[in-house]
Amino acid sequence: MAEKRLISSWDNIMGAMIAKHTKDIYIKNKQLFVTLDSSALRNELSMAKTKIIKMLNEAVGSEIINDIILK
């Protein structure tokens, strides 16, 4: 249930521009897999992984993910 809340909060936390470029998102083994259609955006997000993980986990109130895999 918390995983679904985390996925649904992606658009709100990351903003409309990033949400527009997000093609797929799912969680497996405490890893958030995000497919993006922009390599430049993928590079920008990879530099902020730690901050993104913290914001997403705080949004749902527990540690759901510990890594983000950007594709």
PDB file of N, CA and C in Angstrom:
ATOM      1  N   MET A   1       0.823  -1.186   0.000  1.00  0.00           N
ATOM      2  CA  MET A   1       0.000   0.000   0.000  1.00  0.00           C
ATOM      3  C   MET A   1       0.870   1.255   0.000  1.00  0.00           C
ATOM      4  N   ALA A   2       1.891   1.274   0.848  1.00  0.00           N
ATOM      5  CA  ALA A   2       2.783   2.434   0.909  1.00  0.00           C
ATOM      6  C   ALA A   2       3.554   2.598  -0.399  1.00  0.00           C
ATOM      7  N   GLU A   3       3.855   1.475  -1.063  1.00  0.00           N
ATOM      8  CA  GLU A   3       4.544   1.556  -2.353  1.00  0.00           C
ATOM      9  C   GLU A   3       3.688   2.283  -3.385  1.00  0.00           C
ATOM     10  N   LYS A   4       2.391   2.001  -3.393  1.00  0.00           N
ATOM     11  CA  LYS A   4       1.487   2.678  -4.329  1.00  0.00           C
ATOM     12  C   LYS A   4       1.403   4.170  -4.018  1.00  0.00           C
ATOM     13  N   ARG A   5       1.383   4.518  -2.725  1.00  0.00           N
ATOM     14  CA  ARG A   5       1.366   5.937  -2.341  1.00  0.00           C
ATOM     15  C   ARG A   5       2.635   6.634  -2.802  1.00  0.00           C
ATOM     16  N   LEU A   6       3.775   5.951  -2.664  1.00  0.00           N
ATOM     17  CA  LEU A   6       5.039   6.535  -3.081  1.00  0.00           C
ATOM     18  C   LEU A   6       5.040   6.777  -4.588  1.00  0.00           C
ATOM     19  N   ILE A   7       4.598   5.806  -5.354  1.00  0.00           N
ATOM     20  CA  ILE A   7       4.565   5.952  -6.809  1.00  0.00           C
ATOM     21  C   ILE A   7       3.615   7.074  -7.215  1.00  0.00           C
ATOM     22  N   SER A   8       2.462   7.139  -6.563  1.00  0.00           N
ATOM     23  CA  SER A   8       1.502   8.188  -6.922  1.00  0.00           C
ATOM     24  C   SER A   8       1.985   9.573  -6.493  1.00  0.00           C
ATOM     25  N   SER A   9       2.876   9.650  -5.509  1.00  0.00           N
ATOM     26  CA  SER A   9       3.388  10.943  -5.079  1.00  0.00           C
ATOM     27  C   SER A   9       4.534  11.445  -5.961  1.00  0.00           C
ATOM     28  N   TRP A  10       5.046  10.612  -6.865  1.00  0.00           N
ATOM     29  CA  TRP A  10       6.153  10.994  -7.754  1.00  0.00           C
ATOM     30  C   TRP A  10       5.849  12.292  -8.503  1.00  0.00           C
ATOM     31  N   ASP A  11       4.678  12.382  -9.122  1.00  0.00           N
ATOM     32  CA  ASP A  11       4.321  13.569  -9.906  1.00  0.00           C
ATOM     33  C   ASP A  11       4.293  14.831  -9.053  1.00  0.00           C
ATOM     34  N   ASN A  12       3.718  14.742  -7.862  1.00  0.00           N
ATOM     35  CA  ASN A  12       3.618  15.908  -6.981  1.00  0.00           C
ATOM     36  C   ASN A  12       4.981  16.359  -6.467  1.00  0.00           C
ATOM     37  N   ILE A  13       5.802  15.414  -6.087  1.00  0.00           N
ATOM     38  CA  ILE A  13       7.098  15.750  -5.507  1.00  0.00           C
ATOM     39  C   ILE A  13       8.081  16.235  -6.578  1.00  0.00           C
ATOM     40  N   MET A  14       8.101  15.564  -7.714  1.00  0.00           N
ATOM     41  CA  MET A  14       9.090  15.877  -8.740  1.00  0.00           C
ATOM     42  C   MET A  14       8.668  17.009  -9.663  1.00  0.00           C
ATOM     43  N   GLY A  15       7.391  17.300  -9.722  1.00  0.00           N
ATOM     44  CA  GLY A  15       6.917  18.404 -10.547  1.00  0.00           C
ATOM     45  C   GLY A  15       6.421  17.962 -11.914  1.00  0.00           C
ATOM     46  N   ALA A  16       5.703  18.845 -12.576  1.00  0.00           N
ATOM     47  CA  ALA A  16       5.041  18.527 -13.846  1.00  0.00           C
ATOM     48  C   ALA A  16       6.030  18.230 -14.966  1.00  0.00           C
ATOM     49  N   MET A  17       7.140  18.950 -15.028  1.00  0.00           N
ATOM     50  CA  MET A  17       8.095  18.746 -16.117  1.00  0.00           C
ATOM     51  C   MET A  17       8.710  17.350 -16.066  1.00  0.00           C
ATOM     52  N   ILE A  18       9.112  16.922 -14.883  1.00  0.00           N
ATOM     53  CA  ILE A  18       9.701  15.587 -14.739  1.00  0.00           C
ATOM     54  C   ILE A  18       8.629  14.523 -14.937  1.00  0.00           C
ATOM     55  N   ALA A  19       7.439  14.751 -14.420  1.00  0.00           N
ATOM     56  CA  ALA A  19       6.338  13.802 -14.590  1.00  0.00           C
ATOM     57  C   ALA A  19       6.020  13.598 -16.070  1.00  0.00           C
ATOM     58  N   LYS A  20       6.117  14.664 -16.854  1.00  0.00           N
ATOM     59  CA  LYS A  20       5.836  14.590 -18.288  1.00  0.00           C
ATOM     60  C   LYS A  20       6.831  13.673 -19.015  1.00  0.00           C
ATOM     61  N   HIS A  21       8.063  13.637 -18.523  1.00  0.00           N
ATOM     62  CA  HIS A  21       9.106  12.820 -19.155  1.00  0.00           C
ATOM     63  C   HIS A  21       9.230  11.429 -18.540  1.00  0.00           C
ATOM     64  N   THR A  22       8.441  11.133 -17.506  1.00  0.00           N
ATOM     65  CA  THR A  22       8.450   9.814 -16.873  1.00  0.00           C
ATOM     66  C   THR A  22       7.526   8.886 -17.649  1.00  0.00           C
ATOM     67  N   LYS A  23       8.085   7.797 -18.157  1.00  0.00           N
ATOM     68  CA  LYS A  23       7.303   6.862 -18.962  1.00  0.00           C
ATOM     69  C   LYS A  23       6.835   5.646 -18.167  1.00  0.00           C
ATOM     70  N   ASP A  24       7.613   5.215 -17.185  1.00  0.00           N
ATOM     71  CA  ASP A  24       7.237   4.053 -16.375  1.00  0.00           C
ATOM     72  C   ASP A  24       7.893   4.190 -15.014  1.00  0.00           C
ATOM     73  N   ILE A  25       7.209   3.691 -13.992  1.00  0.00           N
ATOM     74  CA  ILE A  25       7.745   3.754 -12.631  1.00  0.00           C
ATOM     75  C   ILE A  25       7.193   2.575 -11.834  1.00  0.00           C
ATOM     76  N   TYR A  26       8.091   1.848 -11.158  1.00  0.00           N
ATOM     77  CA  TYR A  26       7.669   0.728 -10.315  1.00  0.00           C
ATOM     78  C   TYR A  26       8.727   0.465  -9.256  1.00  0.00           C
ATOM     79  N   ILE A  27       8.342  -0.296  -8.233  1.00  0.00           N
ATOM     80  CA  ILE A  27       9.240  -0.631  -7.130  1.00  0.00           C
ATOM     81  C   ILE A  27       9.444  -2.139  -7.095  1.00  0.00           C
ATOM     82  N   LYS A  28      10.708  -2.539  -6.939  1.00  0.00           N
ATOM     83  CA  LYS A  28      11.046  -3.952  -6.799  1.00  0.00           C
ATOM     84  C   LYS A  28      12.259  -4.046  -5.882  1.00  0.00           C
ATOM     85  N   ASN A  29      12.156  -4.847  -4.834  1.00  0.00           N
ATOM     86  CA  ASN A  29      13.247  -5.060  -3.878  1.00  0.00           C
ATOM     87  C   ASN A  29      13.792  -3.746  -3.304  1.00  0.00           C
ATOM     88  N   LYS A  30      12.897  -2.867  -2.872  1.00  0.00           N
ATOM     89  CA  LYS A  30      13.243  -1.573  -2.278  1.00  0.00           C
ATOM     90  C   LYS A  30      13.999  -0.653  -3.233  1.00  0.00           C
ATOM     91  N   GLN A  31      13.896  -0.928  -4.530  1.00  0.00           N
ATOM     92  CA  GLN A  31      14.487  -0.065  -5.546  1.00  0.00           C
ATOM     93  C   GLN A  31      13.369   0.526  -6.388  1.00  0.00           C
ATOM     94  N   LEU A  32      13.446   1.820  -6.628  1.00  0.00           N
ATOM     95  CA  LEU A  32      12.485   2.503  -7.481  1.00  0.00           C
ATOM     96  C   LEU A  32      13.068   2.560  -8.887  1.00  0.00           C
ATOM     97  N   PHE A  33      12.380   1.955  -9.833  1.00  0.00           N
ATOM     98  CA  PHE A  33      12.808   1.958 -11.224  1.00  0.00           C
ATOM     99  C   PHE A  33      12.001   3.021 -11.960  1.00  0.00           C
ATOM    100  N   VAL A  34      12.701   3.959 -12.586  1.00  0.00           N
ATOM    101  CA  VAL A  34      12.057   5.056 -13.296  1.00  0.00           C
ATOM    102  C   VAL A  34      12.590   5.089 -14.726  1.00  0.00           C
ATOM    103  N   THR A  35      11.684   4.994 -15.699  1.00  0.00           N
ATOM    104  CA  THR A  35      12.054   5.096 -17.104  1.00  0.00           C
ATOM    105  C   THR A  35      11.724   6.502 -17.579  1.00  0.00           C
ATOM    106  N   LEU A  36      12.739   7.169 -18.112  1.00  0.00           N
ATOM    107  CA  LEU A  36      12.597   8.548 -18.587  1.00  0.00           C
ATOM    108  C   LEU A  36      12.868   8.599 -20.090  1.00  0.00           C
ATOM    109  N   ASP A  37      12.278   9.581 -20.771  1.00  0.00           N
ATOM    110  CA  ASP A  37      12.500   9.717 -22.208  1.00  0.00           C
ATOM    111  C   ASP A  37      13.549  10.787 -22.536  1.00  0.00           C
ATOM    112  N   SER A  38      14.262  11.273 -21.534  1.00  0.00           N
ATOM    113  CA  SER A  38      15.265  12.316 -21.737  1.00  0.00           C
ATOM    114  C   SER A  38      16.563  11.920 -21.030  1.00  0.00           C
ATOM    115  N   SER A  39      17.626  11.755 -21.806  1.00  0.00           N
ATOM    116  CA  SER A  39      18.910  11.383 -21.198  1.00  0.00           C
ATOM    117  C   SER A  39      19.481  12.535 -20.368  1.00  0.00           C
ATOM    118  N   ALA A  40      19.240  13.763 -20.783  1.00  0.00           N
ATOM    119  CA  ALA A  40      19.718  14.914 -20.008  1.00  0.00           C
ATOM    120  C   ALA A  40      19.044  14.962 -18.636  1.00  0.00           C
ATOM    121  N   LEU A  41      17.747  14.720 -18.615  1.00  0.00           N
ATOM    122  CA  LEU A  41      17.004  14.693 -17.354  1.00  0.00           C
ATOM    123  C   LEU A  41      17.472  13.523 -16.487  1.00  0.00           C
ATOM    124  N   ARG A  42      17.719  12.390 -17.103  1.00  0.00           N
ATOM    125  CA  ARG A  42      18.208  11.217 -16.372  1.00  0.00           C
ATOM    126  C   ARG A  42      19.530  11.551 -15.672  1.00  0.00           C
ATOM    127  N   ASN A  43      20.423  12.256 -16.357  1.00  0.00           N
ATOM    128  CA  ASN A  43      21.701  12.642 -15.749  1.00  0.00           C
ATOM    129  C   ASN A  43      21.501  13.609 -14.595  1.00  0.00           C
ATOM    130  N   GLU A  44      20.606  14.577 -14.752  1.00  0.00           N
ATOM    131  CA  GLU A  44      20.328  15.531 -13.685  1.00  0.00           C
ATOM    132  C   GLU A  44      19.767  14.827 -12.451  1.00  0.00           C
ATOM    133  N   LEU A  45      18.826  13.922 -12.662  1.00  0.00           N
ATOM    134  CA  LEU A  45      18.213  13.215 -11.530  1.00  0.00           C
ATOM    135  C   LEU A  45      19.205  12.276 -10.854  1.00  0.00           C
ATOM    136  N   SER A  46      20.112  11.690 -11.614  1.00  0.00           N
ATOM    137  CA  SER A  46      21.077  10.764 -11.016  1.00  0.00           C
ATOM    138  C   SER A  46      21.989  11.483 -10.027  1.00  0.00           C
ATOM    139  N   MET A  47      22.225  12.776 -10.254  1.00  0.00           N
ATOM    140  CA  MET A  47      23.066  13.539  -9.330  1.00  0.00           C
ATOM    141  C   MET A  47      22.318  13.891  -8.043  1.00  0.00           C
ATOM    142  N   ALA A  48      21.003  13.778  -8.052  1.00  0.00           N
ATOM    143  CA  ALA A  48      20.201  14.129  -6.879  1.00  0.00           C
ATOM    144  C   ALA A  48      19.498  12.916  -6.278  1.00  0.00           C
ATOM    145  N   LYS A  49      19.989  11.723  -6.542  1.00  0.00           N
ATOM    146  CA  LYS A  49      19.330  10.494  -6.080  1.00  0.00           C
ATOM    147  C   LYS A  49      19.057  10.488  -4.581  1.00  0.00           C
ATOM    148  N   THR A  50      20.057  10.812  -3.798  1.00  0.00           N
ATOM    149  CA  THR A  50      19.920  10.757  -2.338  1.00  0.00           C
ATOM    150  C   THR A  50      18.804  11.684  -1.857  1.00  0.00           C
ATOM    151  N   LYS A  51      18.761  12.874  -2.393  1.00  0.00           N
ATOM    152  CA  LYS A  51      17.734  13.843  -2.008  1.00  0.00           C
ATOM    153  C   LYS A  51      16.352  13.357  -2.430  1.00  0.00           C
ATOM    154  N   ILE A  52      16.241  12.780  -3.623  1.00  0.00           N
ATOM    155  CA  ILE A  52      14.956  12.286  -4.128  1.00  0.00           C
ATOM    156  C   ILE A  52      14.461  11.132  -3.268  1.00  0.00           C
ATOM    157  N   ILE A  53      15.345  10.211  -2.933  1.00  0.00           N
ATOM    158  CA  ILE A  53      14.973   9.078  -2.084  1.00  0.00           C
ATOM    159  C   ILE A  53      14.433   9.578  -0.746  1.00  0.00           C
ATOM    160  N   LYS A  54      15.125  10.547  -0.155  1.00  0.00           N
ATOM    161  CA  LYS A  54      14.699  11.100   1.131  1.00  0.00           C
ATOM    162  C   LYS A  54      13.325  11.750   1.018  1.00  0.00           C
ATOM    163  N   MET A  55      13.113  12.553  -0.024  1.00  0.00           N
ATOM    164  CA  MET A  55      11.823  13.241  -0.190  1.00  0.00           C
ATOM    165  C   MET A  55      10.682  12.246  -0.397  1.00  0.00           C
ATOM    166  N   LEU A  56      10.896  11.221  -1.199  1.00  0.00           N
ATOM    167  CA  LEU A  56       9.842  10.237  -1.467  1.00  0.00           C
ATOM    168  C   LEU A  56       9.510   9.437  -0.214  1.00  0.00           C
ATOM    169  N   ASN A  57      10.530   8.990   0.510  1.00  0.00           N
ATOM    170  CA  ASN A  57      10.288   8.232   1.741  1.00  0.00           C
ATOM    171  C   ASN A  57       9.579   9.089   2.788  1.00  0.00           C
ATOM    172  N   GLU A  58       9.954  10.346   2.894  1.00  0.00           N
ATOM    173  CA  GLU A  58       9.284  11.242   3.843  1.00  0.00           C
ATOM    174  C   GLU A  58       7.828  11.477   3.460  1.00  0.00           C
ATOM    175  N   ALA A  59       7.542  11.483   2.169  1.00  0.00           N
ATOM    176  CA  ALA A  59       6.168  11.713   1.711  1.00  0.00           C
ATOM    177  C   ALA A  59       5.229  10.601   2.161  1.00  0.00           C
ATOM    178  N   VAL A  60       5.740   9.363   2.260  1.00  0.00           N
ATOM    179  CA  VAL A  60       4.889   8.245   2.678  1.00  0.00           C
ATOM    180  C   VAL A  60       5.072   7.898   4.157  1.00  0.00           C
ATOM    181  N   GLY A  61       6.074   8.492   4.790  1.00  0.00           N
ATOM    182  CA  GLY A  61       6.241   8.308   6.226  1.00  0.00           C
ATOM    183  C   GLY A  61       6.999   7.075   6.652  1.00  0.00           C
ATOM    184  N   SER A  62       7.654   6.395   5.726  1.00  0.00           N
ATOM    185  CA  SER A  62       8.490   5.249   6.082  1.00  0.00           C
ATOM    186  C   SER A  62       9.506   4.991   4.975  1.00  0.00           C
ATOM    187  N   GLU A  63      10.501   4.176   5.300  1.00  0.00           N
ATOM    188  CA  GLU A  63      11.538   3.891   4.312  1.00  0.00           C
ATOM    189  C   GLU A  63      11.072   2.772   3.386  1.00  0.00           C
ATOM    190  N   ILE A  64      10.548   3.164   2.237  1.00  0.00           N
ATOM    191  CA  ILE A  64      10.038   2.208   1.255  1.00  0.00           C
ATOM    192  C   ILE A  64      11.118   1.851   0.250  1.00  0.00           C
ATOM    193  N   ILE A  65      11.916   2.846  -0.151  1.00  0.00           N
ATOM    194  CA  ILE A  65      12.971   2.608  -1.141  1.00  0.00           C
ATOM    195  C   ILE A  65      14.317   3.013  -0.570  1.00  0.00           C
ATOM    196  N   ASN A  66      15.378   2.375  -1.059  1.00  0.00           N
ATOM    197  CA  ASN A  66      16.727   2.763  -0.659  1.00  0.00           C
ATOM    198  C   ASN A  66      17.623   3.032  -1.858  1.00  0.00           C
ATOM    199  N   ASP A  67      17.074   2.941  -3.073  1.00  0.00           N
ATOM    200  CA  ASP A  67      17.829   3.229  -4.286  1.00  0.00           C
ATOM    201  C   ASP A  67      16.871   3.585  -5.410  1.00  0.00           C
ATOM    202  N   ILE A  68      17.380   4.334  -6.372  1.00  0.00           N
ATOM    203  CA  ILE A  68      16.619   4.664  -7.568  1.00  0.00           C
ATOM    204  C   ILE A  68      17.442   4.245  -8.774  1.00  0.00           C
ATOM    205  N   ILE A  69      16.802   3.501  -9.658  1.00  0.00           N
ATOM    206  CA  ILE A  69      17.428   3.083 -10.904  1.00  0.00           C
ATOM    207  C   ILE A  69      16.774   3.883 -12.024  1.00  0.00           C
ATOM    208  N   LEU A  70      17.547   4.712 -12.691  1.00  0.00           N
ATOM    209  CA  LEU A  70      17.031   5.547 -13.775  1.00  0.00           C
ATOM    210  C   LEU A  70      17.386   4.910 -15.103  1.00  0.00           C
ATOM    211  N   LYS A  71      16.370   4.712 -15.925  1.00  0.00           N
ATOM    212  CA  LYS A  71      16.590   4.096 -17.235  1.00  0.00           C
ATOM    213  C   LYS A  71      16.247   5.075 -18.322  1.00  0.00           C
TER     214      LYS A  71
END
